N, C-alpha and C. Protein backbone atom coordinates (compact mmCIF):
# COMPACT_ATOMS: atom_id res chain seq x y z
N MET A 1 151.99 183.13 93.93
CA MET A 1 152.06 181.28 93.70
C MET A 1 151.07 180.96 93.93
N VAL A 2 151.01 179.87 93.32
CA VAL A 2 149.45 179.11 92.98
C VAL A 2 150.06 178.14 93.96
N THR A 3 149.24 177.14 94.06
CA THR A 3 148.76 176.70 95.52
C THR A 3 147.79 175.32 95.22
N THR A 4 148.30 174.62 94.80
CA THR A 4 147.20 173.34 94.50
C THR A 4 146.81 172.54 95.72
N VAL A 5 145.50 172.34 96.28
CA VAL A 5 145.24 171.31 97.29
C VAL A 5 144.64 170.21 96.33
N THR A 6 145.23 169.01 97.52
CA THR A 6 144.66 167.62 96.84
C THR A 6 144.72 166.69 97.74
N GLU A 7 143.46 165.82 97.64
CA GLU A 7 143.30 165.16 98.54
C GLU A 7 143.89 164.21 99.06
N ALA A 8 144.25 163.51 100.41
CA ALA A 8 144.88 162.93 100.87
C ALA A 8 144.93 161.41 100.20
N LYS A 9 145.85 160.78 100.14
CA LYS A 9 145.57 159.12 99.57
C LYS A 9 145.94 158.02 100.95
N LYS A 10 145.16 157.22 101.56
CA LYS A 10 145.03 156.86 102.68
C LYS A 10 145.61 155.03 102.22
N VAL A 11 147.21 155.00 102.98
CA VAL A 11 147.55 153.74 103.08
C VAL A 11 147.57 153.04 104.47
N LYS A 12 148.21 152.36 104.25
CA LYS A 12 147.87 151.21 105.57
C LYS A 12 148.91 150.74 105.96
N ALA A 13 149.77 150.52 107.45
CA ALA A 13 150.83 150.00 108.03
C ALA A 13 150.79 148.47 106.75
N GLY A 14 152.07 147.93 107.05
CA GLY A 14 152.71 147.17 106.17
C GLY A 14 152.77 147.17 104.49
N GLU A 15 152.08 148.19 104.18
CA GLU A 15 152.43 148.61 102.55
C GLU A 15 153.67 148.93 102.53
N LYS A 16 154.16 149.15 101.41
CA LYS A 16 155.47 149.47 100.83
C LYS A 16 155.18 151.14 100.12
N VAL A 17 155.92 151.95 101.02
CA VAL A 17 155.50 153.39 100.71
C VAL A 17 156.76 154.30 100.33
N GLY A 18 156.31 155.45 99.23
CA GLY A 18 157.67 156.18 98.14
C GLY A 18 157.69 157.36 99.65
N PRO A 19 159.02 158.16 98.94
CA PRO A 19 159.13 159.19 99.53
C PRO A 19 158.12 160.23 99.56
N GLY A 20 157.70 160.85 101.20
CA GLY A 20 156.58 161.76 101.64
C GLY A 20 156.01 161.88 103.29
N LYS A 21 155.01 162.33 103.14
CA LYS A 21 155.04 162.04 104.60
C LYS A 21 153.57 161.61 104.75
N TYR A 22 153.69 161.24 106.18
CA TYR A 22 152.04 160.39 106.44
C TYR A 22 151.76 160.72 107.73
N VAL A 23 150.75 161.04 107.90
CA VAL A 23 150.22 161.24 109.17
C VAL A 23 149.39 160.23 109.56
N CYS A 24 148.73 159.90 111.17
CA CYS A 24 148.46 159.08 111.77
C CYS A 24 146.96 160.13 111.54
N ILE A 25 146.08 158.85 110.89
CA ILE A 25 144.40 159.48 111.16
C ILE A 25 144.11 159.21 112.45
N ASP A 26 144.35 158.53 113.41
CA ASP A 26 143.59 158.88 114.51
C ASP A 26 144.60 160.38 115.41
N CYS A 27 145.80 159.74 115.93
CA CYS A 27 146.59 160.88 116.49
C CYS A 27 147.29 161.87 115.87
N GLY A 28 147.34 162.23 114.65
CA GLY A 28 148.38 162.90 114.15
C GLY A 28 149.77 162.72 113.63
N LYS A 29 149.86 162.07 114.47
CA LYS A 29 151.65 162.19 114.22
C LYS A 29 152.09 161.87 113.46
N ALA A 30 153.29 162.25 112.20
CA ALA A 30 153.43 162.63 111.42
C ALA A 30 154.68 161.60 111.15
N LEU A 31 155.41 160.57 109.95
CA LEU A 31 156.11 159.82 109.75
C LEU A 31 156.15 160.45 108.77
N GLU A 32 157.67 160.71 108.27
CA GLU A 32 158.36 161.22 107.23
C GLU A 32 159.69 160.21 106.63
N PHE A 33 159.35 160.04 105.38
CA PHE A 33 160.17 158.86 104.32
C PHE A 33 160.69 159.87 103.21
N THR A 34 162.07 159.86 103.32
CA THR A 34 163.01 160.46 102.02
C THR A 34 163.25 159.36 101.21
N GLU A 35 163.20 157.87 101.22
CA GLU A 35 163.95 157.06 100.39
C GLU A 35 162.56 155.97 99.76
N ALA A 36 162.59 155.64 98.72
CA ALA A 36 161.38 154.58 98.16
C ALA A 36 161.33 153.40 99.21
N GLU A 37 160.45 152.28 99.12
CA GLU A 37 160.26 151.15 99.32
C GLU A 37 160.51 150.89 100.51
N GLN A 38 159.72 151.29 101.24
CA GLN A 38 159.65 151.26 102.31
C GLN A 38 158.55 150.60 103.86
N ASP A 39 159.03 150.10 104.26
CA ASP A 39 157.59 149.23 105.28
C ASP A 39 157.34 150.75 105.93
N LEU A 40 155.68 150.50 106.01
CA LEU A 40 155.10 151.41 106.52
C LEU A 40 155.04 150.52 107.69
N ARG A 41 155.07 150.97 109.05
CA ARG A 41 154.58 150.85 110.43
C ARG A 41 153.92 151.16 111.14
N LYS A 42 152.73 150.20 111.95
CA LYS A 42 152.22 151.16 112.55
C LYS A 42 152.76 152.11 113.69
N CYS A 43 151.62 152.94 113.69
CA CYS A 43 151.70 154.44 113.96
C CYS A 43 152.35 153.80 115.89
N PRO A 44 153.49 155.01 115.90
CA PRO A 44 154.32 154.32 117.57
C PRO A 44 153.84 155.12 118.01
N ALA A 45 152.53 156.30 117.81
CA ALA A 45 152.34 156.67 119.25
C ALA A 45 150.83 156.37 119.84
N CYS A 46 150.05 155.56 119.06
CA CYS A 46 149.01 154.87 119.20
C CYS A 46 148.88 153.63 118.68
N ALA A 47 149.48 153.04 118.13
CA ALA A 47 149.30 151.67 117.16
C ALA A 47 147.83 151.66 115.59
N CYS A 48 147.50 152.78 115.86
CA CYS A 48 146.64 152.67 114.47
C CYS A 48 147.56 152.40 113.42
N GLU A 49 147.15 151.73 112.20
CA GLU A 49 147.47 151.20 111.41
C GLU A 49 147.02 151.88 110.05
N MET A 50 146.04 153.41 110.10
CA MET A 50 145.88 154.00 108.98
C MET A 50 146.28 155.06 108.47
N TYR A 51 147.36 155.60 107.57
CA TYR A 51 147.77 157.19 107.54
C TYR A 51 146.78 157.34 106.46
N ASP A 52 147.22 159.02 106.22
CA ASP A 52 147.08 160.31 105.02
C ASP A 52 148.18 160.12 104.39
N CYS A 53 148.38 160.03 103.43
CA CYS A 53 149.51 159.96 102.77
C CYS A 53 149.83 161.16 101.83
N PHE A 54 150.67 162.47 102.10
CA PHE A 54 151.41 163.04 101.07
C PHE A 54 152.37 163.02 100.40
N PRO A 55 152.53 162.38 99.38
CA PRO A 55 153.72 162.19 98.69
C PRO A 55 154.05 163.17 97.93
N MET A 56 155.81 162.90 98.15
CA MET A 56 156.72 164.03 97.73
C MET A 56 156.66 164.02 96.10
N THR A 57 155.87 165.32 95.49
CA THR A 57 156.10 164.82 93.64
C THR A 57 156.21 166.23 93.25
N HIS A 58 157.54 167.24 94.11
CA HIS A 58 157.54 168.67 93.82
C HIS A 58 159.19 168.03 93.82
N ILE A 59 160.01 167.28 93.89
CA ILE A 59 161.25 167.31 93.88
C ILE A 59 162.72 167.68 92.84
N ARG A 60 163.75 168.06 93.39
CA ARG A 60 164.17 169.30 92.19
C ARG A 60 165.17 168.43 92.56
N SER A 61 165.72 168.12 91.31
CA SER A 61 167.21 167.38 91.04
C SER A 61 167.95 167.48 91.70
N ASP A 62 168.35 168.71 92.30
CA ASP A 62 169.97 169.20 92.85
C ASP A 62 169.30 169.21 94.26
N VAL A 63 168.12 168.44 95.11
CA VAL A 63 167.92 168.34 95.87
C VAL A 63 167.63 167.15 96.61
N LYS A 64 169.24 166.70 97.09
CA LYS A 64 169.73 165.42 97.59
C LYS A 64 169.03 164.66 98.86
N THR A 65 169.81 165.57 99.81
CA THR A 65 168.65 165.21 101.20
C THR A 65 168.21 166.32 101.69
N PRO A 66 167.33 165.48 103.17
CA PRO A 66 166.72 166.65 103.54
C PRO A 66 167.28 167.76 103.82
N GLU A 67 168.75 168.45 103.98
CA GLU A 67 169.20 169.31 104.77
C GLU A 67 169.20 170.21 103.03
N ASP A 68 169.45 169.39 101.93
CA ASP A 68 169.20 170.55 100.77
C ASP A 68 167.41 170.99 100.95
N ALA A 69 166.55 170.61 101.11
CA ALA A 69 165.46 170.61 100.81
C ALA A 69 164.98 171.86 101.80
N ILE A 70 166.04 171.92 103.20
CA ILE A 70 165.80 173.13 104.15
C ILE A 70 166.21 174.28 103.52
N ASN A 71 167.65 174.28 102.81
CA ASN A 71 168.58 175.34 103.15
C ASN A 71 169.01 174.68 100.97
N PRO A 72 167.76 175.30 99.98
CA PRO A 72 167.58 174.52 98.38
C PRO A 72 169.26 175.26 98.43
N PRO A 73 170.01 174.10 97.33
CA PRO A 73 170.84 175.28 96.66
C PRO A 73 170.55 176.03 95.77
N LYS A 74 171.46 177.15 95.51
CA LYS A 74 171.32 178.61 94.79
C LYS A 74 171.23 177.97 93.56
N ARG A 75 170.15 178.41 92.50
CA ARG A 75 170.29 178.06 91.35
C ARG A 75 170.72 178.95 90.00
């Protein structure tokens, strides 16, 4: 298995974001979005406005819901 490490992109609260995981740079609280074009809000834990973005780039066409991601359909 090959693992690729990519550097996280920084995003600011108020931006429109796509699916992925957004981790607050101050307190580490993670927000996850599964749909595109959502407004990123200030961190609910510390009100910080900057996040590290880890976009979803490996979505399988047969994975449609978060439950499918946890228990992927058999191929």
